[in-house]
């Protein structure tokens, strides 16, 4: 078997491990050395431990020199000081792994690209699963699509990196009607972030502190293509051809991500 074919076989083996998970996020990992899978692991196989660590701890010798680890989700980094285990990215670096092949980058803003970046800077080779397999992982790793929401209401935490990632809200689970926007220009030091959409379709609900304060969203007529928001602010999205209106409340801004709520209302 040639190297490319074996690599894809290892990717599929990691996905097979992921499919054994019974809770979200679903993550699988396999360790390869000299063209052979020498260990496997999946999140939940051992309580409280991540898939990469589980696979490593099955080996009699924890030295990963000359190995490649295939993991369906970007290795984690330290999120808080009281973590019970060393983050997986640091563990892989300390054990001299030669290469890490990643399925998808973690959408958690505190991790997104951080594990990838740390591995590269430490001299570890990093590659990614094939596009087709990445799509397969994206649809099964998390309980919901991290870039999609549905009416009548919801809450989501998303990473804000660079010019932001598009987020789409559908009127309901069964409706094809949707509107998209993105968060941009994260200014954590100034506690502001921009909500951006097309067609001059965003208005600030000045003074409103909760959705229930807004009896008629269309009274806010001073619209633009963006709204500069602070925590607690509410914006109204009403693209000209949309069949519904969406209220968006910015809940929290951190250095890495934001949390927001939404509520969908029928358009008069």
C-alpha atoms as a PDB file:
ATOM      1  CA  UNK A   1       0.000   0.000   0.000  1.00  0.00           C
ATOM      2  CA  UNK A   2       1.435   3.410  -0.941  1.00  0.00           C
ATOM      3  CA  UNK A   3       1.885   6.196   1.604  1.00  0.00           C
ATOM      4  CA  UNK A   4      -1.109   8.240   0.443  1.00  0.00           C
ATOM      5  CA  UNK A   5      -3.468   5.260   0.573  1.00  0.00           C
ATOM      6  CA  UNK A   6      -2.240   4.273   4.039  1.00  0.00           C
ATOM      7  CA  UNK A   7      -2.622   7.850   5.274  1.00  0.00           C
ATOM      8  CA  UNK A   8      -6.267   7.903   4.193  1.00  0.00           C
ATOM      9  CA  UNK A   9      -6.748   4.505   5.822  1.00  0.00           C
ATOM     10  CA  UNK A  10      -5.422   5.966   9.084  1.00  0.00           C
ATOM     11  CA  UNK A  11      -7.772   8.954   8.735  1.00  0.00           C
ATOM     12  CA  UNK A  12     -10.723   6.608   8.366  1.00  0.00           C
ATOM     13  CA  UNK A  13      -9.513   4.598  11.358  1.00  0.00           C
ATOM     14  CA  UNK A  14      -9.562   7.797  13.445  1.00  0.00           C
ATOM     15  CA  UNK A  15     -13.109   8.480  12.225  1.00  0.00           C
ATOM     16  CA  UNK A  16     -14.079   4.921  13.193  1.00  0.00           C
ATOM     17  CA  UNK A  17     -12.826   5.700  16.702  1.00  0.00           C
ATOM     18  CA  UNK A  18     -14.782   8.967  16.698  1.00  0.00           C
ATOM     19  CA  UNK A  19     -17.946   7.062  15.837  1.00  0.00           C
ATOM     20  CA  UNK A  20     -17.602   5.079  19.073  1.00  0.00           C
ATOM     21  CA  UNK A  21     -18.190   8.221  21.141  1.00  0.00           C
ATOM     22  CA  UNK A  22     -21.530   8.476  22.914  1.00  0.00           C
ATOM     23  CA  UNK A  23     -21.369  12.203  23.756  1.00  0.00           C
ATOM     24  CA  UNK A  24     -20.288  15.419  22.060  1.00  0.00           C
ATOM     25  CA  UNK A  25     -17.823  16.540  20.910  1.00  0.00           C
ATOM     26  CA  UNK A  26     -16.946  13.237  19.277  1.00  0.00           C
ATOM     27  CA  UNK A  27     -13.209  12.784  18.811  1.00  0.00           C
ATOM     28  CA  UNK A  28     -11.124   9.834  17.672  1.00  0.00           C
ATOM     29  CA  UNK A  29      -7.361   9.365  17.396  1.00  0.00           C
ATOM     30  CA  UNK A  30      -4.897   6.772  16.126  1.00  0.00           C
ATOM     31  CA  UNK A  31      -1.109   6.630  16.455  1.00  0.00           C
ATOM     32  CA  UNK A  32       0.953   5.368  13.537  1.00  0.00           C
ATOM     33  CA  UNK A  33       4.590   4.247  13.389  1.00  0.00           C
ATOM     34  CA  UNK A  34       6.450   2.584  10.530  1.00  0.00           C
ATOM     35  CA  UNK A  35       3.283   2.234   8.469  1.00  0.00           C
ATOM     36  CA  UNK A  36       1.302   0.529  11.248  1.00  0.00           C
ATOM     37  CA  UNK A  37      -1.438   1.693  13.615  1.00  0.00           C
ATOM     38  CA  UNK A  38      -0.006   1.030  17.065  1.00  0.00           C
ATOM     39  CA  UNK A  39      -2.702   2.556  19.290  1.00  0.00           C
ATOM     40  CA  UNK A  40      -6.206   4.045  19.197  1.00  0.00           C
ATOM     41  CA  UNK A  41      -8.466   6.091  21.433  1.00  0.00           C
ATOM     42  CA  UNK A  42     -11.757   7.964  21.503  1.00  0.00           C
ATOM     43  CA  UNK A  43     -13.196  10.630  23.782  1.00  0.00           C
ATOM     44  CA  UNK A  44     -15.215   8.980  26.517  1.00  0.00           C
ATOM     45  CA  UNK A  45     -13.345   5.685  26.379  1.00  0.00           C
ATOM     46  CA  UNK A  46     -11.716   6.763  29.656  1.00  0.00           C
ATOM     47  CA  UNK A  47     -13.685   9.307  31.669  1.00  0.00           C
ATOM     48  CA  UNK A  48     -12.214  12.792  31.728  1.00  0.00           C
ATOM     49  CA  UNK A  49      -9.485  12.144  29.174  1.00  0.00           C
ATOM     50  CA  UNK A  50      -9.149  13.209  25.543  1.00  0.00           C
ATOM     51  CA  UNK A  51      -8.741  10.798  22.654  1.00  0.00           C
ATOM     52  CA  UNK A  52      -5.059  11.597  22.028  1.00  0.00           C
ATOM     53  CA  UNK A  53      -4.101  11.041  25.679  1.00  0.00           C
ATOM     54  CA  UNK A  54      -6.061   7.793  25.826  1.00  0.00           C
ATOM     55  CA  UNK A  55      -4.245   6.430  22.783  1.00  0.00           C
ATOM     56  CA  UNK A  56      -0.874   7.498  24.188  1.00  0.00           C
ATOM     57  CA  UNK A  57      -1.458   5.960  27.601  1.00  0.00           C
ATOM     58  CA  UNK A  58      -2.187   2.573  26.000  1.00  0.00           C
ATOM     59  CA  UNK A  59       1.417   2.410  24.783  1.00  0.00           C
ATOM     60  CA  UNK A  60       4.044   0.734  26.997  1.00  0.00           C
ATOM     61  CA  UNK A  61       6.559   3.413  25.988  1.00  0.00           C
ATOM     62  CA  UNK A  62       5.130   6.957  25.895  1.00  0.00           C
ATOM     63  CA  UNK A  63       7.953   8.267  23.659  1.00  0.00           C
ATOM     64  CA  UNK A  64       6.328   9.248  20.338  1.00  0.00           C
ATOM     65  CA  UNK A  65       9.541   9.794  18.396  1.00  0.00           C
ATOM     66  CA  UNK A  66       8.950   8.873  14.748  1.00  0.00           C
ATOM     67  CA  UNK A  67       5.176   8.628  15.119  1.00  0.00           C
ATOM     68  CA  UNK A  68       2.255  10.336  13.406  1.00  0.00           C
ATOM     69  CA  UNK A  69      -0.981  10.880  15.284  1.00  0.00           C
ATOM     70  CA  UNK A  70      -4.234  11.260  13.374  1.00  0.00           C
ATOM     71  CA  UNK A  71      -6.863  13.099  15.401  1.00  0.00           C
ATOM     72  CA  UNK A  72     -10.282  14.148  14.160  1.00  0.00           C
ATOM     73  CA  UNK A  73     -10.221  17.398  16.174  1.00  0.00           C
ATOM     74  CA  UNK A  74      -7.459  19.934  16.711  1.00  0.00           C
ATOM     75  CA  UNK A  75      -5.448  19.082  19.856  1.00  0.00           C
ATOM     76  CA  UNK A  76      -6.497  21.168  22.836  1.00  0.00           C
ATOM     77  CA  UNK A  77      -4.505  23.911  24.545  1.00  0.00           C
ATOM     78  CA  UNK A  78      -4.658  25.162  28.134  1.00  0.00           C
ATOM     79  CA  UNK A  79      -7.912  27.013  28.788  1.00  0.00           C
ATOM     80  CA  UNK A  80      -7.567  27.498  32.550  1.00  0.00           C
ATOM     81  CA  UNK A  81      -4.893  26.874  35.170  1.00  0.00           C
ATOM     82  CA  UNK A  82      -6.806  24.160  37.024  1.00  0.00           C
ATOM     83  CA  UNK A  83      -7.044  21.654  34.184  1.00  0.00           C
ATOM     84  CA  UNK A  84      -6.566  18.109  35.528  1.00  0.00           C
ATOM     85  CA  UNK A  85      -4.337  17.096  32.596  1.00  0.00           C
ATOM     86  CA  UNK A  86      -1.696  18.742  30.448  1.00  0.00           C
ATOM     87  CA  UNK A  87      -3.316  19.941  27.197  1.00  0.00           C
ATOM     88  CA  UNK A  88      -2.961  17.538  24.286  1.00  0.00           C
ATOM     89  CA  UNK A  89      -0.920  19.908  22.104  1.00  0.00           C
ATOM     90  CA  UNK A  90       1.692  20.243  24.858  1.00  0.00           C
ATOM     91  CA  UNK A  91       1.635  16.488  25.529  1.00  0.00           C
ATOM     92  CA  UNK A  92       2.348  15.704  21.883  1.00  0.00           C
ATOM     93  CA  UNK A  93       5.211  18.189  21.769  1.00  0.00           C
ATOM     94  CA  UNK A  94       6.773  16.878  24.985  1.00  0.00           C
ATOM     95  CA  UNK A  95       6.644  13.285  23.717  1.00  0.00           C
ATOM     96  CA  UNK A  96       8.390  14.169  20.437  1.00  0.00           C
ATOM     97  CA  UNK A  97       5.598  13.282  18.018  1.00  0.00           C
ATOM     98  CA  UNK A  98       6.858  13.759  14.470  1.00  0.00           C
ATOM     99  CA  UNK A  99       3.598  14.724  12.763  1.00  0.00           C
ATOM    100  CA  UNK A 100      -0.004  15.492  13.643  1.00  0.00           C
ATOM    101  CA  UNK A 101      -2.758  15.088  11.058  1.00  0.00           C
ATOM    102  CA  UNK A 102      -5.869  17.058  12.045  1.00  0.00           C
ATOM    103  CA  UNK A 103      -9.438  16.479  10.950  1.00  0.00           C
ATOM    104  CA  UNK A 104     -11.007  19.862  11.782  1.00  0.00           C
ATOM    105  CA  UNK A 105      -9.943  22.953  13.712  1.00  0.00           C
ATOM    106  CA  UNK A 106     -11.787  23.414  16.990  1.00  0.00           C
ATOM    107  CA  UNK A 107     -14.496  26.115  16.689  1.00  0.00           C
ATOM    108  CA  UNK A 108     -14.073  26.986  20.368  1.00  0.00           C
ATOM    109  CA  UNK A 109     -12.534  30.440  20.188  1.00  0.00           C
ATOM    110  CA  UNK A 110     -10.091  29.653  22.997  1.00  0.00           C
ATOM    111  CA  UNK A 111      -8.681  26.743  20.997  1.00  0.00           C
ATOM    112  CA  UNK A 112      -9.302  27.618  17.339  1.00  0.00           C
ATOM    113  CA  UNK A 113      -5.917  27.460  15.544  1.00  0.00           C
ATOM    114  CA  UNK A 114      -4.091  27.677  18.892  1.00  0.00           C
ATOM    115  CA  UNK A 115      -3.187  23.976  18.992  1.00  0.00           C
ATOM    116  CA  UNK A 116      -2.267  24.058  15.311  1.00  0.00           C
ATOM    117  CA  UNK A 117      -0.089  27.133  15.825  1.00  0.00           C
ATOM    118  CA  UNK A 118       1.731  25.719  18.851  1.00  0.00           C
ATOM    119  CA  UNK A 119       2.533  22.465  17.109  1.00  0.00           C
ATOM    120  CA  UNK A 120       3.978  24.281  14.102  1.00  0.00           C
ATOM    121  CA  UNK A 121       6.068  26.627  16.231  1.00  0.00           C
ATOM    122  CA  UNK A 122       7.497  23.674  18.152  1.00  0.00           C
ATOM    123  CA  UNK A 123       8.695  22.073  14.917  1.00  0.00           C
ATOM    124  CA  UNK A 124       5.998  19.389  14.673  1.00  0.00           C
ATOM    125  CA  UNK A 125       4.812  18.704  11.131  1.00  0.00           C
ATOM    126  CA  UNK A 126       1.086  19.367  10.722  1.00  0.00           C
ATOM    127  CA  UNK A 127      -1.214  18.161   7.946  1.00  0.00           C
ATOM    128  CA  UNK A 128      -4.980  17.821   7.516  1.00  0.00           C
ATOM    129  CA  UNK A 129      -7.498  15.169   6.543  1.00  0.00           C
ATOM    130  CA  UNK A 130      -8.766  15.205   2.953  1.00  0.00           C
ATOM    131  CA  UNK A 131     -11.589  17.674   2.156  1.00  0.00           C
ATOM    132  CA  UNK A 132     -14.163  14.888   1.828  1.00  0.00           C
ATOM    133  CA  UNK A 133     -13.240  13.417   5.197  1.00  0.00           C
ATOM    134  CA  UNK A 134     -13.154  16.873   6.818  1.00  0.00           C
ATOM    135  CA  UNK A 135     -16.737  17.412   5.685  1.00  0.00           C
ATOM    136  CA  UNK A 136     -17.669  14.050   7.151  1.00  0.00           C
ATOM    137  CA  UNK A 137     -16.109  15.002  10.478  1.00  0.00           C
ATOM    138  CA  UNK A 138     -17.692  18.471  10.529  1.00  0.00           C
ATOM    139  CA  UNK A 139     -21.154  16.925  10.309  1.00  0.00           C
ATOM    140  CA  UNK A 140     -20.619  14.479  13.168  1.00  0.00           C
ATOM    141  CA  UNK A 141     -18.152  15.949  15.686  1.00  0.00           C
ATOM    142  CA  UNK A 142     -20.506  18.416  17.310  1.00  0.00           C
ATOM    143  CA  UNK A 143     -24.121  18.230  18.366  1.00  0.00           C
ATOM    144  CA  UNK A 144     -24.946  21.114  16.044  1.00  0.00           C
ATOM    145  CA  UNK A 145     -23.368  22.947  13.134  1.00  0.00           C
ATOM    146  CA  UNK A 146     -21.368  25.712  14.799  1.00  0.00           C
ATOM    147  CA  UNK A 147     -22.114  28.189  11.989  1.00  0.00           C
ATOM    148  CA  UNK A 148     -25.902  27.649  11.807  1.00  0.00           C
ATOM    149  CA  UNK A 149     -28.771  28.520  14.125  1.00  0.00           C
ATOM    150  CA  UNK A 150     -32.548  28.130  13.976  1.00  0.00           C
ATOM    151  CA  UNK A 151     -35.574  30.026  15.175  1.00  0.00           C
ATOM    152  CA  UNK A 152     -37.429  30.706  17.309  1.00  0.00           C
ATOM    153  CA  UNK A 153     -34.418  31.357  19.581  1.00  0.00           C
ATOM    154  CA  UNK A 154     -30.968  30.185  20.535  1.00  0.00           C
ATOM    155  CA  UNK A 155     -27.604  30.966  22.049  1.00  0.00           C
ATOM    156  CA  UNK A 156     -24.127  30.287  20.688  1.00  0.00           C
ATOM    157  CA  UNK A 157     -20.475  30.929  21.431  1.00  0.00           C
ATOM    158  CA  UNK A 158     -18.321  31.402  18.343  1.00  0.00           C
ATOM    159  CA  UNK A 159     -14.699  32.173  17.589  1.00  0.00           C
ATOM    160  CA  UNK A 160     -13.947  35.543  16.065  1.00  0.00           C
ATOM    161  CA  UNK A 161     -10.750  35.363  14.066  1.00  0.00           C
ATOM    162  CA  UNK A 162      -9.707  37.948  11.480  1.00  0.00           C
ATOM    163  CA  UNK A 163     -12.787  39.104   9.622  1.00  0.00           C
ATOM    164  CA  UNK A 164     -15.029  36.573  11.308  1.00  0.00           C
ATOM    165  CA  UNK A 165     -16.896  33.515  10.142  1.00  0.00           C
ATOM    166  CA  UNK A 166     -20.324  33.696   8.557  1.00  0.00           C
ATOM    167  CA  UNK A 167     -23.222  32.639  10.763  1.00  0.00           C
ATOM    168  CA  UNK A 168     -26.589  31.768   9.249  1.00  0.00           C
ATOM    169  CA  UNK A 169     -29.941  31.739  11.026  1.00  0.00           C
ATOM    170  CA  UNK A 170     -32.932  29.896   9.584  1.00  0.00           C
ATOM    171  CA  UNK A 171     -36.478  30.868  10.447  1.00  0.00           C
ATOM    172  CA  UNK A 172     -37.023  27.330  11.792  1.00  0.00           C
ATOM    173  CA  UNK A 173     -35.663  23.810  11.513  1.00  0.00           C
ATOM    174  CA  UNK A 174     -37.996  23.153   8.582  1.00  0.00           C
ATOM    175  CA  UNK A 175     -37.807  26.504   6.815  1.00  0.00           C
ATOM    176  CA  UNK A 176     -35.431  27.270   3.912  1.00  0.00           C
ATOM    177  CA  UNK A 177     -35.660  30.999   4.708  1.00  0.00           C
ATOM    178  CA  UNK A 178     -32.376  32.248   6.157  1.00  0.00           C
ATOM    179  CA  UNK A 179     -30.242  35.322   6.791  1.00  0.00           C
ATOM    180  CA  UNK A 180     -26.480  35.517   7.300  1.00  0.00           C
ATOM    181  CA  UNK A 181     -24.135  37.838   9.130  1.00  0.00           C
ATOM    182  CA  UNK A 182     -20.669  37.804  10.655  1.00  0.00           C
ATOM    183  CA  UNK A 183     -18.840  39.240  13.617  1.00  0.00           C
ATOM    184  CA  UNK A 184     -15.839  41.398  12.774  1.00  0.00           C
ATOM    185  CA  UNK A 185     -13.159  43.681  14.204  1.00  0.00           C
ATOM    186  CA  UNK A 186     -12.977  42.111  17.617  1.00  0.00           C
ATOM    187  CA  UNK A 187     -11.617  44.821  19.916  1.00  0.00           C
ATOM    188  CA  UNK A 188     -11.358  42.961  23.172  1.00  0.00           C
ATOM    189  CA  UNK A 189      -9.399  45.776  24.841  1.00  0.00           C
ATOM    190  CA  UNK A 190     -12.234  48.199  24.036  1.00  0.00           C
ATOM    191  CA  UNK A 191     -15.054  45.677  24.669  1.00  0.00           C
ATOM    192  CA  UNK A 192     -16.634  46.212  21.242  1.00  0.00           C
ATOM    193  CA  UNK A 193     -17.325  44.033  18.218  1.00  0.00           C
ATOM    194  CA  UNK A 194     -19.003  44.699  14.873  1.00  0.00           C
ATOM    195  CA  UNK A 195     -22.008  42.769  13.629  1.00  0.00           C
ATOM    196  CA  UNK A 196     -21.958  42.916   9.820  1.00  0.00           C
ATOM    197  CA  UNK A 197     -24.567  42.077   7.173  1.00  0.00           C
ATOM    198  CA  UNK A 198     -25.407  43.154   3.641  1.00  0.00           C
ATOM    199  CA  UNK A 199     -27.919  45.629   2.246  1.00  0.00           C
ATOM    200  CA  UNK A 200     -28.000  48.176   5.082  1.00  0.00           C
ATOM    201  CA  UNK A 201     -30.076  45.691   7.041  1.00  0.00           C
ATOM    202  CA  UNK A 202     -28.958  46.157  10.670  1.00  0.00           C
ATOM    203  CA  UNK A 203     -30.358  48.607  13.199  1.00  0.00           C
ATOM    204  CA  UNK A 204     -29.338  49.121  16.829  1.00  0.00           C
ATOM    205  CA  UNK A 205     -32.152  48.669  19.360  1.00  0.00           C
ATOM    206  CA  UNK A 206     -30.915  51.560  21.471  1.00  0.00           C
ATOM    207  CA  UNK A 207     -32.032  51.339  25.092  1.00  0.00           C
ATOM    208  CA  UNK A 208     -33.397  47.796  24.950  1.00  0.00           C
ATOM    209  CA  UNK A 209     -31.806  45.408  27.455  1.00  0.00           C
ATOM    210  CA  UNK A 210     -33.766  42.256  26.663  1.00  0.00           C
ATOM    211  CA  UNK A 211     -35.788  40.958  23.747  1.00  0.00           C
ATOM    212  CA  UNK A 212     -39.048  41.472  25.650  1.00  0.00           C
ATOM    213  CA  UNK A 213     -38.369  45.232  25.700  1.00  0.00           C
ATOM    214  CA  UNK A 214     -38.884  45.332  21.921  1.00  0.00           C
ATOM    215  CA  UNK A 215     -42.563  45.225  20.974  1.00  0.00           C
ATOM    216  CA  UNK A 216     -41.980  46.182  17.328  1.00  0.00           C
ATOM    217  CA  UNK A 217     -38.453  45.690  15.905  1.00  0.00           C
ATOM    218  CA  UNK A 218     -39.247  47.799  12.842  1.00  0.00           C
ATOM    219  CA  UNK A 219     -39.415  51.022  14.852  1.00  0.00           C
ATOM    220  CA  UNK A 220     -35.609  51.065  14.725  1.00  0.00           C
ATOM    221  CA  UNK A 221     -35.214  52.553  11.257  1.00  0.00           C
ATOM    222  CA  UNK A 222     -31.661  53.954  11.266  1.00  0.00           C
ATOM    223  CA  UNK A 223     -30.112  50.943   9.591  1.00  0.00           C
ATOM    224  CA  UNK A 224     -26.608  50.302   8.278  1.00  0.00           C
ATOM    225  CA  UNK A 225     -24.527  47.359   7.101  1.00  0.00           C
ATOM    226  CA  UNK A 226     -23.022  46.979  10.565  1.00  0.00           C
ATOM    227  CA  UNK A 227     -23.737  47.584  14.235  1.00  0.00           C
ATOM    228  CA  UNK A 228     -20.925  48.312  16.702  1.00  0.00           C
ATOM    229  CA  UNK A 229     -21.917  46.470  19.842  1.00  0.00           C
ATOM    230  CA  UNK A 230     -20.937  46.068  23.474  1.00  0.00           C
ATOM    231  CA  UNK A 231     -22.059  43.333  25.855  1.00  0.00           C
ATOM    232  CA  UNK A 232     -25.779  43.673  26.495  1.00  0.00           C
ATOM    233  CA  UNK A 233     -26.536  45.533  23.250  1.00  0.00           C
ATOM    234  CA  UNK A 234     -29.284  44.303  20.917  1.00  0.00           C
ATOM    235  CA  UNK A 235     -29.342  44.639  17.133  1.00  0.00           C
ATOM    236  CA  UNK A 236     -32.201  44.052  14.688  1.00  0.00           C
ATOM    237  CA  UNK A 237     -31.569  42.285  11.370  1.00  0.00           C
ATOM    238  CA  UNK A 238     -34.164  42.762   8.652  1.00  0.00           C
ATOM    239  CA  UNK A 239     -32.825  42.227   5.114  1.00  0.00           C
ATOM    240  CA  UNK A 240     -35.286  43.648   2.540  1.00  0.00           C
ATOM    241  CA  UNK A 241     -36.381  40.312   1.091  1.00  0.00           C
ATOM    242  CA  UNK A 242     -36.312  38.263   4.285  1.00  0.00           C
ATOM    243  CA  UNK A 243     -39.562  36.744   5.506  1.00  0.00           C
ATOM    244  CA  UNK A 244     -38.599  37.185   9.155  1.00  0.00           C
ATOM    245  CA  UNK A 245     -36.734  39.490  11.526  1.00  0.00           C
ATOM    246  CA  UNK A 246     -33.918  38.450  13.853  1.00  0.00           C
ATOM    247  CA  UNK A 247     -32.987  40.117  17.125  1.00  0.00           C
ATOM    248  CA  UNK A 248     -29.403  39.538  18.264  1.00  0.00           C
ATOM    249  CA  UNK A 249     -28.142  40.274  21.761  1.00  0.00           C
ATOM    250  CA  UNK A 250     -24.410  40.293  22.451  1.00  0.00           C
ATOM    251  CA  UNK A 251     -23.939  38.458  25.752  1.00  0.00           C
ATOM    252  CA  UNK A 252     -20.190  38.408  26.277  1.00  0.00           C
ATOM    253  CA  UNK A 253     -16.896  39.270  24.596  1.00  0.00           C
ATOM    254  CA  UNK A 254     -13.663  37.519  25.549  1.00  0.00           C
ATOM    255  CA  UNK A 255     -10.188  37.711  24.089  1.00  0.00           C
ATOM    256  CA  UNK A 256     -10.945  34.717  21.869  1.00  0.00           C
ATOM    257  CA  UNK A 257     -14.677  34.512  21.229  1.00  0.00           C
ATOM    258  CA  UNK A 258     -18.125  35.965  21.736  1.00  0.00           C
ATOM    259  CA  UNK A 259     -21.422  34.653  23.029  1.00  0.00           C
ATOM    260  CA  UNK A 260     -24.696  35.872  21.576  1.00  0.00           C
ATOM    261  CA  UNK A 261     -28.402  35.094  21.690  1.00  0.00           C
ATOM    262  CA  UNK A 262     -30.974  35.394  18.942  1.00  0.00           C
ATOM    263  CA  UNK A 263     -34.731  35.481  18.595  1.00  0.00           C
ATOM    264  CA  UNK A 264     -36.640  35.090  15.345  1.00  0.00           C
ATOM    265  CA  UNK A 265     -39.921  36.955  14.759  1.00  0.00           C
ATOM    266  CA  UNK A 266     -42.341  36.940  11.851  1.00  0.00           C
ATOM    267  CA  UNK A 267     -42.181  39.996   9.656  1.00  0.00           C
ATOM    268  CA  UNK A 268     -45.378  42.082   9.685  1.00  0.00           C
END
